[in-house]
Amino acid sequence: MEKFTIKNRFTQKIIVEDEAETLREVVEKNKANLGGADLWGTNLRGADLRGTNLRGADLRGAKIKITQKEDIIRALGIIIEE
C-alpha cells in the first residue's frame, strides 16, 4: 500500500488523501471529488471514469484506453456538436 495525495491544481488544497496499491484505485474510489485535480501524467487506462467529475482537472500526459474516450469527454464536461 502506498499513500496518495491529490491536490487542486489551482489552490493546492488537498482533495483526496488515500492509501491504495495504485493511483488508479484512488481515482476510481474518489471519482466524484476530482474536479480541479492535478492528475498530470496519470495512468488511467482501465479506470472506471463513468460519473467522474474531471472539470478543471489537469490531465496533461494522462493515459487512457481508446474505449474510455467517451467517458473522459463526458467527465470533462465537453459537449461535441455536429
Protein backbone atom coordinates (compact mmCIF):
# COMPACT_ATOMS: atom_id res chain seq x y z
CA MET A 1 0.00 0.00 0.00
CA GLU A 2 1.11 3.48 -0.82
CA LYS A 3 -0.28 6.84 0.35
CA PHE A 4 -1.55 9.12 -2.45
CA THR A 5 -2.43 12.80 -2.25
CA ILE A 6 -4.42 14.55 -4.97
CA LYS A 7 -4.46 18.35 -4.81
CA ASN A 8 -6.46 21.05 -6.54
CA ARG A 9 -4.30 22.28 -9.40
CA PHE A 10 -5.15 25.94 -8.71
CA THR A 11 -5.19 26.20 -4.90
CA GLN A 12 -3.02 23.20 -3.92
CA LYS A 13 -5.76 22.29 -1.42
CA ILE A 14 -5.83 18.54 -0.77
CA ILE A 15 -8.85 16.98 -2.49
CA VAL A 16 -8.13 13.34 -1.66
CA GLU A 17 -5.63 11.59 0.55
CA ASP A 18 -5.90 7.82 0.45
CA GLU A 19 -3.92 4.59 0.63
CA ALA A 20 -4.07 2.14 -2.27
CA GLU A 21 -1.94 -0.06 -4.49
CA THR A 22 -2.18 2.39 -7.42
CA LEU A 23 -3.26 5.95 -8.15
CA ARG A 24 -5.88 4.49 -10.49
CA GLU A 25 -7.56 2.83 -7.48
CA VAL A 26 -7.67 6.17 -5.65
CA VAL A 27 -9.19 7.88 -8.71
CA GLU A 28 -11.87 5.20 -9.02
CA LYS A 29 -12.76 5.28 -5.30
CA ASN A 30 -12.97 9.07 -5.19
CA LYS A 31 -14.14 9.88 -8.70
CA ALA A 32 -16.96 12.21 -7.66
CA ASN A 33 -14.45 14.53 -5.93
CA LEU A 34 -11.85 15.09 -8.67
CA GLY A 35 -12.91 18.41 -10.22
CA GLY A 36 -9.83 20.64 -10.49
CA ALA A 37 -7.47 17.80 -9.51
CA ASP A 38 -3.88 17.62 -10.68
CA LEU A 39 -3.76 14.24 -12.46
CA TRP A 40 -0.91 15.19 -14.76
CA GLY A 41 0.76 12.09 -16.23
CA THR A 42 -1.62 9.68 -14.50
CA ASN A 43 -2.17 6.24 -15.99
CA LEU A 44 -5.97 5.97 -16.10
CA ARG A 45 -6.02 3.06 -18.54
CA GLY A 46 -8.77 0.70 -17.45
CA ALA A 47 -10.11 3.05 -14.75
CA ASP A 48 -13.90 3.32 -14.49
CA LEU A 49 -14.44 7.03 -15.22
CA ARG A 50 -18.24 6.89 -15.53
CA GLY A 51 -19.75 9.53 -13.26
CA THR A 52 -16.39 11.18 -12.60
CA ASN A 53 -16.18 14.97 -12.28
CA LEU A 54 -12.95 15.99 -14.03
CA ARG A 55 -13.91 19.58 -14.85
CA GLY A 56 -10.83 21.73 -14.46
CA ALA A 57 -8.59 18.71 -13.83
CA ASP A 58 -5.06 18.77 -15.24
CA LEU A 59 -4.83 15.64 -17.39
CA ARG A 60 -1.77 16.55 -19.47
CA GLY A 61 0.10 13.37 -20.28
CA ALA A 62 -2.61 11.13 -18.82
CA LYS A 63 -3.05 7.74 -20.47
CA ILE A 64 -6.41 6.14 -21.25
CA LYS A 65 -7.66 3.30 -23.41
CA ILE A 66 -9.50 4.17 -26.62
CA THR A 67 -12.61 2.59 -25.10
CA GLN A 68 -12.54 5.25 -22.34
CA LYS A 69 -12.64 8.27 -24.65
CA GLU A 70 -16.40 8.85 -24.37
CA ASP A 71 -16.30 8.62 -20.57
CA ILE A 72 -13.43 11.09 -20.29
CA ILE A 73 -15.05 13.56 -22.67
CA ARG A 74 -18.23 13.42 -20.57
CA ALA A 75 -16.25 13.70 -17.30
CA LEU A 76 -14.55 16.85 -18.59
CA GLY A 77 -17.92 18.40 -19.39
CA ILE A 78 -17.13 18.63 -23.11
CA ILE A 79 -20.07 18.80 -25.49
CA ILE A 80 -19.37 17.76 -29.06
CA GLU A 81 -21.78 19.25 -31.57
CA GLU A 82 -22.24 18.15 -35.15
